Amino acid sequence: MARVGAGFDRVLSALVSLAEANPRMKAVSRLSAMSDEELAARGLKREDIVRHVFRDIYYV
């Protein structure tokens, strides 16, 4: 059973690595690291970051 768990952990780690390497997720991280004032200067609010980054492919 431990081998199944270890295999699942490896698959999950690979999926997380893929998601973190996605340019859109990097943009979300970059914008999330900004202050509210910096976001406001770009016309954004913190709650709008994901919507802004994915605006061209998802209606969120």
Protein backbone atom coordinates (compact mmCIF):
# COMPACT_ATOMS: atom_id res chain seq x y z
CA MET A 1 0.00 0.00 0.00
CA ALA A 2 2.91 2.35 0.69
CA ARG A 3 4.06 1.96 -2.92
CA VAL A 4 0.66 3.11 -4.18
CA GLY A 5 0.83 6.14 -1.92
CA ALA A 6 4.35 6.97 -3.07
CA GLY A 7 3.29 6.67 -6.70
CA PHE A 8 0.34 8.96 -6.09
CA ASP A 9 2.64 11.48 -4.39
CA ARG A 10 4.95 11.49 -7.43
CA VAL A 11 2.05 12.02 -9.83
CA LEU A 12 0.64 14.79 -7.66
CA SER A 13 4.05 16.48 -7.42
CA ALA A 14 4.42 16.34 -11.20
CA LEU A 15 0.99 17.93 -11.68
CA VAL A 16 1.82 20.69 -9.20
CA SER A 17 5.11 21.35 -11.01
CA LEU A 18 3.30 21.62 -14.33
CA ALA A 19 0.76 24.05 -12.90
CA GLU A 20 3.46 26.19 -11.28
CA ALA A 21 5.39 26.37 -14.56
CA ASN A 22 2.32 27.71 -16.41
CA PRO A 23 2.89 31.35 -17.44
CA ARG A 24 -0.62 32.27 -16.28
CA MET A 25 0.03 30.90 -12.81
CA LYS A 26 3.30 32.84 -12.72
CA ALA A 27 1.32 35.99 -13.59
CA VAL A 28 -1.15 35.24 -10.77
CA SER A 29 1.77 34.84 -8.35
CA ARG A 30 3.46 38.01 -9.57
CA LEU A 31 0.29 40.08 -9.26
CA SER A 32 -0.58 38.54 -5.89
CA ALA A 33 2.78 39.64 -4.55
CA MET A 34 2.00 43.29 -5.36
CA SER A 35 0.58 45.68 -2.81
CA ASP A 36 -3.00 46.89 -3.09
CA GLU A 37 -1.65 50.27 -4.18
CA GLU A 38 0.40 48.70 -6.99
CA LEU A 39 -2.61 46.72 -8.14
CA ALA A 40 -4.78 49.85 -8.06
CA ALA A 41 -2.23 51.64 -10.25
CA ARG A 42 -2.83 48.87 -12.80
CA GLY A 43 -6.59 49.19 -12.42
CA LEU A 44 -6.92 45.92 -10.50
CA LYS A 45 -8.26 44.78 -7.16
CA ARG A 46 -6.84 41.75 -5.41
CA GLU A 47 -10.07 39.79 -5.91
CA ASP A 48 -9.86 40.39 -9.68
CA ILE A 49 -6.40 38.91 -10.26
CA VAL A 50 -7.49 35.45 -11.43
CA ARG A 51 -10.28 36.90 -13.57
CA HIS A 52 -7.80 39.30 -15.16
CA VAL A 53 -5.16 36.66 -15.90
CA PHE A 54 -7.62 34.14 -17.37
CA ARG A 55 -9.98 36.68 -19.00
CA ASP A 56 -9.25 35.54 -22.56
CA ILE A 57 -9.96 31.85 -22.03
CA TYR A 58 -12.50 31.61 -19.21
CA TYR A 59 -15.49 33.60 -18.16
CA VAL A 60 -14.86 33.87 -14.42
